[in-house]
Amino acid sequence: MSKLAIAYLCLGSNLGEREKNLTQALTSLSQKVNLEKVSSIYETEPVGYKEQPFFLNMVCQITTDLSPWELLRLAKNIESKMGRTFSFTNAPRPIDIDILFYDDQSIQTQNLTVPHPRLADRAFVLIPLAEIAPELTHPGLNKSVAELASSVRGHNGVRKWH
């Protein structure tokens, strides 16, 4: 048995039944990885392209024997099965699954960058991540998630959902 990696994923949805989409994505993930912790759901204002519905976002901690690239492939397969199509950057979507961290690895390839390159600028990622992993340290920035979350801009655009 190989050592399990600890990874953190961000899930988002702003098309269709958003909460149901998040639940379905978690169910699909749990068939291939172990869900360890799941944050609350947050309703968040869109970033980048503003003319679209608000998102529901959440973060989960998983353990997995999948490599980072296999995990990326799993995420993309779930997105595609759930109806995500790529039209333009930051377009509305039924589901989005991003790898935030994979152990303490730093990966930079054409298809995968870990830690997620825009994580430190995104309140909609950091606030739910700080809920489940405040002490987690960003390997490139050498700051905890709690520190990053406390100083990120955009807190007022992130509200706990029910």
N, C-alpha and C. Protein backbone atom coordinates (compact mmCIF):
# COMPACT_ATOMS: atom_id res chain seq x y z
N MET A 1 0.86 -1.20 0.00
CA MET A 1 0.00 0.00 0.00
C MET A 1 0.89 1.24 0.00
N SER A 2 0.69 2.09 -0.98
CA SER A 2 1.49 3.31 -1.04
C SER A 2 0.96 4.34 -0.04
N LYS A 3 1.81 5.25 0.33
CA LYS A 3 1.45 6.31 1.27
C LYS A 3 0.38 7.19 0.63
N LEU A 4 -0.61 7.54 1.42
CA LEU A 4 -1.67 8.40 0.92
C LEU A 4 -1.23 9.86 0.98
N ALA A 5 -1.52 10.60 -0.07
CA ALA A 5 -1.25 12.03 -0.10
C ALA A 5 -2.45 12.77 0.49
N ILE A 6 -2.18 13.91 1.08
CA ILE A 6 -3.25 14.80 1.56
C ILE A 6 -3.36 15.93 0.56
N ALA A 7 -4.56 16.13 0.06
CA ALA A 7 -4.79 17.20 -0.90
C ALA A 7 -6.01 18.01 -0.47
N TYR A 8 -6.06 19.24 -0.96
CA TYR A 8 -7.19 20.12 -0.70
C TYR A 8 -7.76 20.55 -2.04
N LEU A 9 -9.10 20.47 -2.14
CA LEU A 9 -9.79 20.82 -3.37
C LEU A 9 -10.81 21.91 -3.09
N CYS A 10 -11.01 22.79 -4.05
CA CYS A 10 -12.08 23.79 -3.97
C CYS A 10 -13.13 23.41 -4.99
N LEU A 11 -14.39 23.41 -4.58
CA LEU A 11 -15.50 23.12 -5.47
C LEU A 11 -16.37 24.36 -5.58
N GLY A 12 -16.83 24.64 -6.78
CA GLY A 12 -17.70 25.79 -6.99
C GLY A 12 -18.77 25.47 -8.02
N SER A 13 -19.93 26.12 -7.88
CA SER A 13 -21.03 25.94 -8.82
C SER A 13 -21.85 27.22 -8.88
N ASN A 14 -22.21 27.64 -10.11
CA ASN A 14 -23.13 28.77 -10.21
C ASN A 14 -24.19 28.58 -11.30
N LEU A 15 -24.34 27.37 -11.79
CA LEU A 15 -25.40 27.06 -12.76
C LEU A 15 -26.22 25.89 -12.25
N GLY A 16 -27.52 25.94 -12.50
CA GLY A 16 -28.39 24.84 -12.09
C GLY A 16 -28.62 24.85 -10.59
N GLU A 17 -28.85 23.67 -10.03
CA GLU A 17 -29.07 23.54 -8.59
C GLU A 17 -27.69 23.48 -7.92
N ARG A 18 -27.20 24.64 -7.53
CA ARG A 18 -25.81 24.78 -7.08
C ARG A 18 -25.46 23.85 -5.92
N GLU A 19 -26.30 23.82 -4.90
CA GLU A 19 -25.98 22.99 -3.73
C GLU A 19 -25.98 21.51 -4.10
N LYS A 20 -26.94 21.11 -4.91
CA LYS A 20 -27.02 19.72 -5.38
C LYS A 20 -25.78 19.37 -6.21
N ASN A 21 -25.32 20.31 -7.02
CA ASN A 21 -24.11 20.08 -7.84
C ASN A 21 -22.90 19.81 -6.94
N LEU A 22 -22.76 20.59 -5.87
CA LEU A 22 -21.63 20.39 -4.95
C LEU A 22 -21.71 19.00 -4.31
N THR A 23 -22.91 18.64 -3.87
CA THR A 23 -23.11 17.33 -3.24
C THR A 23 -22.80 16.20 -4.21
N GLN A 24 -23.26 16.34 -5.45
CA GLN A 24 -23.00 15.32 -6.47
C GLN A 24 -21.50 15.19 -6.74
N ALA A 25 -20.80 16.33 -6.81
CA ALA A 25 -19.35 16.30 -7.06
C ALA A 25 -18.63 15.62 -5.90
N LEU A 26 -19.02 15.93 -4.66
CA LEU A 26 -18.41 15.27 -3.49
C LEU A 26 -18.66 13.76 -3.53
N THR A 27 -19.87 13.37 -3.89
CA THR A 27 -20.21 11.94 -3.98
C THR A 27 -19.33 11.27 -5.03
N SER A 28 -19.19 11.90 -6.19
CA SER A 28 -18.33 11.34 -7.25
C SER A 28 -16.88 11.25 -6.80
N LEU A 29 -16.38 12.30 -6.15
CA LEU A 29 -15.00 12.27 -5.64
C LEU A 29 -14.82 11.13 -4.64
N SER A 30 -15.81 10.96 -3.75
CA SER A 30 -15.66 9.98 -2.67
C SER A 30 -15.61 8.55 -3.17
N GLN A 31 -15.95 8.31 -4.44
CA GLN A 31 -15.83 6.97 -5.00
C GLN A 31 -14.37 6.63 -5.33
N LYS A 32 -13.50 7.65 -5.41
CA LYS A 32 -12.09 7.44 -5.80
C LYS A 32 -11.09 7.93 -4.76
N VAL A 33 -11.51 8.82 -3.87
CA VAL A 33 -10.62 9.38 -2.85
C VAL A 33 -11.35 9.33 -1.51
N ASN A 34 -10.60 9.52 -0.42
CA ASN A 34 -11.21 9.56 0.91
C ASN A 34 -11.48 11.01 1.28
N LEU A 35 -12.74 11.35 1.53
CA LEU A 35 -13.08 12.69 2.00
C LEU A 35 -12.79 12.72 3.50
N GLU A 36 -11.91 13.61 3.91
CA GLU A 36 -11.54 13.70 5.33
C GLU A 36 -12.27 14.83 6.04
N LYS A 37 -12.29 16.01 5.43
CA LYS A 37 -12.95 17.17 6.02
C LYS A 37 -13.63 17.94 4.90
N VAL A 38 -14.78 18.52 5.21
CA VAL A 38 -15.52 19.32 4.24
C VAL A 38 -15.94 20.62 4.93
N SER A 39 -15.66 21.74 4.30
CA SER A 39 -16.03 23.04 4.88
C SER A 39 -17.52 23.28 4.75
N SER A 40 -17.97 24.35 5.39
CA SER A 40 -19.31 24.85 5.15
C SER A 40 -19.37 25.31 3.69
N ILE A 41 -20.59 25.55 3.23
CA ILE A 41 -20.79 26.10 1.89
C ILE A 41 -20.90 27.62 2.03
N TYR A 42 -20.29 28.33 1.10
CA TYR A 42 -20.33 29.78 1.09
C TYR A 42 -20.89 30.28 -0.22
N GLU A 43 -21.72 31.31 -0.16
CA GLU A 43 -22.18 31.96 -1.39
C GLU A 43 -21.22 33.10 -1.66
N THR A 44 -20.74 33.17 -2.91
CA THR A 44 -19.68 34.12 -3.22
C THR A 44 -19.97 34.84 -4.53
N GLU A 45 -19.53 36.09 -4.55
CA GLU A 45 -19.67 36.89 -5.76
C GLU A 45 -18.69 36.39 -6.81
N PRO A 46 -19.09 36.44 -8.10
CA PRO A 46 -18.17 36.00 -9.15
C PRO A 46 -16.92 36.88 -9.21
N VAL A 47 -15.82 36.25 -9.57
CA VAL A 47 -14.54 36.94 -9.72
C VAL A 47 -14.19 36.92 -11.20
N GLY A 48 -13.62 38.00 -11.70
CA GLY A 48 -13.26 38.05 -13.12
C GLY A 48 -14.46 38.51 -13.92
N TYR A 49 -15.20 37.57 -14.48
CA TYR A 49 -16.39 37.86 -15.27
C TYR A 49 -17.57 38.03 -14.31
N LYS A 50 -18.07 39.28 -14.19
CA LYS A 50 -19.07 39.61 -13.15
C LYS A 50 -20.52 39.35 -13.57
N GLU A 51 -20.80 39.30 -14.87
CA GLU A 51 -22.18 39.20 -15.37
C GLU A 51 -22.66 37.75 -15.34
N GLN A 52 -22.74 37.18 -14.15
CA GLN A 52 -23.17 35.79 -14.01
C GLN A 52 -23.70 35.58 -12.59
N PRO A 53 -24.41 34.47 -12.38
CA PRO A 53 -24.97 34.21 -11.05
C PRO A 53 -23.87 34.02 -9.99
N PHE A 54 -24.25 34.25 -8.72
CA PHE A 54 -23.33 34.01 -7.60
C PHE A 54 -22.99 32.52 -7.54
N PHE A 55 -21.85 32.22 -6.96
CA PHE A 55 -21.37 30.86 -6.80
C PHE A 55 -21.70 30.34 -5.41
N LEU A 56 -21.77 29.03 -5.31
CA LEU A 56 -21.62 28.36 -4.02
C LEU A 56 -20.26 27.69 -4.08
N ASN A 57 -19.45 27.89 -3.03
CA ASN A 57 -18.10 27.33 -2.96
C ASN A 57 -17.92 26.58 -1.66
N MET A 58 -17.05 25.60 -1.71
CA MET A 58 -16.65 24.87 -0.51
C MET A 58 -15.27 24.28 -0.76
N VAL A 59 -14.64 23.85 0.31
CA VAL A 59 -13.32 23.24 0.21
C VAL A 59 -13.38 21.90 0.93
N CYS A 60 -12.64 20.91 0.41
CA CYS A 60 -12.55 19.64 1.12
C CYS A 60 -11.09 19.19 1.21
N GLN A 61 -10.82 18.45 2.27
CA GLN A 61 -9.52 17.81 2.44
C GLN A 61 -9.73 16.35 2.12
N ILE A 62 -8.85 15.81 1.28
CA ILE A 62 -8.94 14.40 0.90
C ILE A 62 -7.61 13.71 1.19
N THR A 63 -7.67 12.38 1.28
CA THR A 63 -6.46 11.58 1.19
C THR A 63 -6.64 10.68 -0.03
N THR A 64 -5.54 10.46 -0.74
CA THR A 64 -5.65 9.72 -1.99
C THR A 64 -4.33 9.04 -2.34
N ASP A 65 -4.44 7.94 -3.07
CA ASP A 65 -3.24 7.32 -3.63
C ASP A 65 -3.07 7.73 -5.09
N LEU A 66 -3.94 8.60 -5.59
CA LEU A 66 -3.80 9.12 -6.95
C LEU A 66 -2.64 10.11 -7.00
N SER A 67 -1.94 10.13 -8.11
CA SER A 67 -0.91 11.17 -8.32
C SER A 67 -1.63 12.49 -8.56
N PRO A 68 -0.92 13.62 -8.48
CA PRO A 68 -1.56 14.92 -8.78
C PRO A 68 -2.23 14.93 -10.16
N TRP A 69 -1.59 14.29 -11.15
CA TRP A 69 -2.13 14.30 -12.51
C TRP A 69 -3.36 13.41 -12.62
N GLU A 70 -3.36 12.29 -11.89
CA GLU A 70 -4.55 11.42 -11.87
C GLU A 70 -5.71 12.13 -11.16
N LEU A 71 -5.38 12.88 -10.11
CA LEU A 71 -6.41 13.64 -9.39
C LEU A 71 -6.99 14.73 -10.29
N LEU A 72 -6.13 15.40 -11.05
CA LEU A 72 -6.60 16.41 -12.01
C LEU A 72 -7.53 15.76 -13.04
N ARG A 73 -7.14 14.61 -13.56
CA ARG A 73 -7.96 13.90 -14.55
C ARG A 73 -9.32 13.53 -13.95
N LEU A 74 -9.32 13.04 -12.69
CA LEU A 74 -10.57 12.71 -12.01
C LEU A 74 -11.46 13.96 -11.91
N ALA A 75 -10.88 15.08 -11.49
CA ALA A 75 -11.65 16.33 -11.34
C ALA A 75 -12.25 16.75 -12.68
N LYS A 76 -11.45 16.72 -13.73
CA LYS A 76 -11.92 17.13 -15.06
C LYS A 76 -13.00 16.17 -15.58
N ASN A 77 -12.86 14.87 -15.29
CA ASN A 77 -13.89 13.90 -15.70
C ASN A 77 -15.22 14.17 -15.00
N ILE A 78 -15.15 14.47 -13.70
CA ILE A 78 -16.38 14.78 -12.95
C ILE A 78 -17.02 16.05 -13.52
N GLU A 79 -16.20 17.09 -13.76
CA GLU A 79 -16.73 18.33 -14.34
C GLU A 79 -17.45 18.05 -15.65
N SER A 80 -16.81 17.27 -16.51
CA SER A 80 -17.39 17.01 -17.82
C SER A 80 -18.66 16.17 -17.73
N LYS A 81 -18.68 15.15 -16.84
CA LYS A 81 -19.89 14.34 -16.64
C LYS A 81 -21.04 15.18 -16.11
N MET A 82 -20.72 16.23 -15.37
CA MET A 82 -21.75 17.09 -14.79
C MET A 82 -22.13 18.23 -15.73
N GLY A 83 -21.62 18.21 -16.94
CA GLY A 83 -22.08 19.17 -17.94
C GLY A 83 -21.23 20.41 -18.11
N ARG A 84 -20.05 20.44 -17.52
CA ARG A 84 -19.21 21.62 -17.71
C ARG A 84 -18.62 21.63 -19.12
N THR A 85 -18.76 22.76 -19.78
CA THR A 85 -18.12 22.96 -21.09
C THR A 85 -17.26 24.20 -20.97
N PHE A 86 -16.18 24.26 -21.72
CA PHE A 86 -15.27 25.40 -21.62
C PHE A 86 -15.55 26.37 -22.75
N SER A 87 -16.06 27.55 -22.39
CA SER A 87 -16.33 28.57 -23.40
C SER A 87 -15.31 29.69 -23.27
N PHE A 88 -15.16 30.24 -22.06
CA PHE A 88 -14.17 31.29 -21.83
C PHE A 88 -13.79 31.27 -20.35
N THR A 89 -12.67 31.91 -20.03
CA THR A 89 -12.17 31.94 -18.66
C THR A 89 -13.21 32.58 -17.74
N ASN A 90 -13.42 31.96 -16.59
CA ASN A 90 -14.37 32.44 -15.57
C ASN A 90 -15.82 32.42 -16.02
N ALA A 91 -16.15 31.60 -17.02
CA ALA A 91 -17.53 31.48 -17.48
C ALA A 91 -18.38 30.78 -16.42
N PRO A 92 -19.70 30.99 -16.45
CA PRO A 92 -20.59 30.26 -15.54
C PRO A 92 -20.43 28.75 -15.76
N ARG A 93 -20.62 27.97 -14.68
CA ARG A 93 -20.43 26.53 -14.80
C ARG A 93 -21.20 25.78 -13.72
N PRO A 94 -21.66 24.56 -14.08
CA PRO A 94 -22.37 23.77 -13.08
C PRO A 94 -21.44 23.27 -11.98
N ILE A 95 -20.17 23.03 -12.33
CA ILE A 95 -19.21 22.57 -11.30
C ILE A 95 -17.80 22.94 -11.74
N ASP A 96 -17.00 23.27 -10.77
CA ASP A 96 -15.58 23.56 -10.97
C ASP A 96 -14.87 22.89 -9.81
N ILE A 97 -13.83 22.13 -10.11
CA ILE A 97 -13.05 21.46 -9.05
C ILE A 97 -11.58 21.81 -9.28
N ASP A 98 -11.00 22.53 -8.33
CA ASP A 98 -9.59 22.93 -8.43
C ASP A 98 -8.77 22.27 -7.35
N ILE A 99 -7.57 21.83 -7.71
CA ILE A 99 -6.62 21.31 -6.72
C ILE A 99 -5.90 22.52 -6.12
N LEU A 100 -6.03 22.69 -4.82
CA LEU A 100 -5.38 23.82 -4.13
C LEU A 100 -3.98 23.43 -3.68
N PHE A 101 -3.90 22.32 -2.97
CA PHE A 101 -2.64 21.80 -2.45
C PHE A 101 -2.60 20.30 -2.66
N TYR A 102 -1.39 19.76 -2.84
CA TYR A 102 -1.20 18.32 -2.91
C TYR A 102 0.05 18.04 -2.07
N ASP A 103 -0.17 17.49 -0.85
CA ASP A 103 0.92 17.40 0.14
C ASP A 103 1.61 18.76 0.21
N ASP A 104 2.93 18.78 0.29
CA ASP A 104 3.61 20.08 0.29
C ASP A 104 4.33 20.28 -1.03
N GLN A 105 3.83 19.62 -2.07
CA GLN A 105 4.49 19.68 -3.37
C GLN A 105 4.26 21.02 -4.07
N SER A 106 5.27 21.42 -4.81
CA SER A 106 5.14 22.54 -5.74
C SER A 106 5.28 21.95 -7.13
N ILE A 107 4.26 22.13 -7.95
CA ILE A 107 4.23 21.56 -9.30
C ILE A 107 3.94 22.69 -10.27
N GLN A 108 4.72 22.77 -11.33
CA GLN A 108 4.43 23.76 -12.35
C GLN A 108 4.60 23.14 -13.72
N THR A 109 3.47 22.74 -14.31
CA THR A 109 3.48 22.20 -15.66
C THR A 109 2.44 22.99 -16.45
N GLN A 110 2.35 22.71 -17.73
CA GLN A 110 1.38 23.42 -18.56
C GLN A 110 -0.05 23.17 -18.10
N ASN A 111 -0.33 21.96 -17.63
CA ASN A 111 -1.70 21.59 -17.26
C ASN A 111 -2.01 21.69 -15.78
N LEU A 112 -0.98 21.76 -14.95
CA LEU A 112 -1.21 21.72 -13.51
C LEU A 112 -0.20 22.58 -12.77
N THR A 113 -0.73 23.47 -11.93
CA THR A 113 0.11 24.27 -11.03
C THR A 113 -0.43 24.09 -9.62
N VAL A 114 0.44 23.60 -8.73
CA VAL A 114 0.11 23.38 -7.32
C VAL A 114 1.23 23.94 -6.48
N PRO A 115 0.94 24.72 -5.44
CA PRO A 115 -0.36 25.20 -5.01
C PRO A 115 -1.04 26.02 -6.13
N HIS A 116 -2.38 26.07 -6.04
CA HIS A 116 -3.15 26.80 -7.04
C HIS A 116 -2.61 28.22 -7.15
N PRO A 117 -2.31 28.70 -8.37
CA PRO A 117 -1.60 29.97 -8.55
C PRO A 117 -2.33 31.21 -8.02
N ARG A 118 -3.67 31.21 -7.99
CA ARG A 118 -4.40 32.41 -7.54
C ARG A 118 -5.02 32.25 -6.15
N LEU A 119 -4.67 31.16 -5.49
CA LEU A 119 -5.25 30.86 -4.18
C LEU A 119 -5.10 32.01 -3.17
N ALA A 120 -3.93 32.62 -3.10
CA ALA A 120 -3.68 33.65 -2.08
C ALA A 120 -4.49 34.92 -2.30
N ASP A 121 -5.08 35.09 -3.49
CA ASP A 121 -5.86 36.29 -3.80
C ASP A 121 -7.36 36.05 -3.72
N ARG A 122 -7.77 34.86 -3.35
CA ARG A 122 -9.18 34.50 -3.47
C ARG A 122 -9.81 34.22 -2.11
N ALA A 123 -10.61 35.19 -1.65
CA ALA A 123 -11.33 35.02 -0.38
C ALA A 123 -12.26 33.82 -0.44
N PHE A 124 -12.87 33.56 -1.61
CA PHE A 124 -13.83 32.45 -1.72
C PHE A 124 -13.16 31.09 -1.57
N VAL A 125 -11.83 31.04 -1.68
CA VAL A 125 -11.07 29.81 -1.43
C VAL A 125 -10.52 29.81 -0.01
N LEU A 126 -9.92 30.92 0.38
CA LEU A 126 -9.22 30.98 1.67
C LEU A 126 -10.15 30.90 2.88
N ILE A 127 -11.33 31.51 2.80
CA ILE A 127 -12.23 31.51 3.95
C ILE A 127 -12.72 30.09 4.27
N PRO A 128 -13.23 29.32 3.28
CA PRO A 128 -13.60 27.93 3.62
C PRO A 128 -12.37 27.06 3.95
N LEU A 129 -11.24 27.32 3.31
CA LEU A 129 -10.03 26.54 3.60
C LEU A 129 -9.56 26.80 5.04
N ALA A 130 -9.64 28.05 5.48
CA ALA A 130 -9.23 28.39 6.85
C ALA A 130 -10.16 27.73 7.87
N GLU A 131 -11.39 27.45 7.47
CA GLU A 131 -12.34 26.79 8.37
C GLU A 131 -11.88 25.36 8.68
N ILE A 132 -11.31 24.66 7.69
CA ILE A 132 -10.93 23.25 7.92
C ILE A 132 -9.43 23.03 8.10
N ALA A 133 -8.60 24.01 7.70
CA ALA A 133 -7.14 23.81 7.76
C ALA A 133 -6.41 25.13 8.03
N PRO A 134 -6.72 25.81 9.14
CA PRO A 134 -6.12 27.12 9.39
C PRO A 134 -4.60 27.10 9.52
N GLU A 135 -4.05 25.98 10.00
CA GLU A 135 -2.60 25.90 10.23
C GLU A 135 -1.82 25.47 9.00
N LEU A 136 -2.52 25.03 7.97
CA LEU A 136 -1.85 24.59 6.74
C LEU A 136 -0.99 25.73 6.20
N THR A 137 0.25 25.41 5.85
CA THR A 137 1.17 26.45 5.39
C THR A 137 1.35 26.38 3.88
N HIS A 138 1.23 27.52 3.24
CA HIS A 138 1.46 27.63 1.80
C HIS A 138 2.96 27.52 1.59
N PRO A 139 3.44 26.47 0.87
CA PRO A 139 4.89 26.24 0.76
C PRO A 139 5.65 27.37 0.04
N GLY A 140 5.01 28.04 -0.89
CA GLY A 140 5.70 29.11 -1.62
C GLY A 140 5.73 30.42 -0.85
N LEU A 141 4.68 30.68 -0.08
CA LEU A 141 4.55 31.97 0.62
C LEU A 141 4.97 31.88 2.07
N ASN A 142 5.10 30.64 2.57
CA ASN A 142 5.49 30.41 3.96
C ASN A 142 4.57 31.12 4.96
N LYS A 143 3.28 31.15 4.64
CA LYS A 143 2.27 31.72 5.53
C LYS A 143 1.17 30.68 5.71
N SER A 144 0.54 30.70 6.89
CA SER A 144 -0.57 29.78 7.12
C SER A 144 -1.80 30.24 6.36
N VAL A 145 -2.70 29.32 6.13
CA VAL A 145 -3.96 29.66 5.47
C VAL A 145 -4.72 30.69 6.30
N ALA A 146 -4.68 30.57 7.62
CA ALA A 146 -5.35 31.55 8.48
C ALA A 146 -4.78 32.96 8.26
N GLU A 147 -3.45 33.06 8.15
CA GLU A 147 -2.82 34.36 7.90
C GLU A 147 -3.24 34.91 6.54
N LEU A 148 -3.21 34.06 5.52
CA LEU A 148 -3.61 34.49 4.18
C LEU A 148 -5.07 34.93 4.16
N ALA A 149 -5.94 34.15 4.84
CA ALA A 149 -7.37 34.47 4.86
C ALA A 149 -7.64 35.78 5.56
N SER A 150 -6.88 36.07 6.61
CA SER A 150 -7.15 37.30 7.37
C SER A 150 -6.76 38.55 6.59
N SER A 151 -5.85 38.42 5.64
CA SER A 151 -5.40 39.62 4.91
C SER A 151 -5.92 39.71 3.48
N VAL A 152 -6.65 38.69 3.01
CA VAL A 152 -7.12 38.70 1.62
C VAL A 152 -8.24 39.73 1.45
N ARG A 153 -8.29 40.33 0.27
CA ARG A 153 -9.38 41.26 -0.04
C ARG A 153 -10.61 40.49 -0.50
N GLY A 154 -11.78 41.06 -0.26
CA GLY A 154 -13.00 40.45 -0.76
C GLY A 154 -13.80 39.66 0.26
N HIS A 155 -13.50 39.83 1.55
CA HIS A 155 -14.25 39.12 2.60
C HIS A 155 -15.76 39.35 2.49
N ASN A 156 -16.14 40.60 2.17
CA ASN A 156 -17.57 40.92 2.14
C ASN A 156 -18.31 40.24 1.00
N GLY A 157 -17.58 39.67 0.03
CA GLY A 157 -18.21 38.93 -1.06
C GLY A 157 -18.37 37.45 -0.78
N VAL A 158 -18.08 37.03 0.46
CA VAL A 158 -18.14 35.61 0.83
C VAL A 158 -19.01 35.47 2.07
N ARG A 159 -20.18 34.82 1.91
CA ARG A 159 -21.12 34.67 3.01
C ARG A 159 -21.47 33.21 3.21
N LYS A 160 -21.53 32.79 4.47
CA LYS A 160 -21.90 31.39 4.76
C LYS A 160 -23.33 31.15 4.24
N TRP A 161 -23.52 30.01 3.59
CA TRP A 161 -24.81 29.63 3.00
C TRP A 161 -25.59 28.85 4.04
N HIS A 162 -26.88 29.14 4.20
CA HIS A 162 -27.72 28.60 5.27
C HIS A 162 -26.88 28.10 6.43
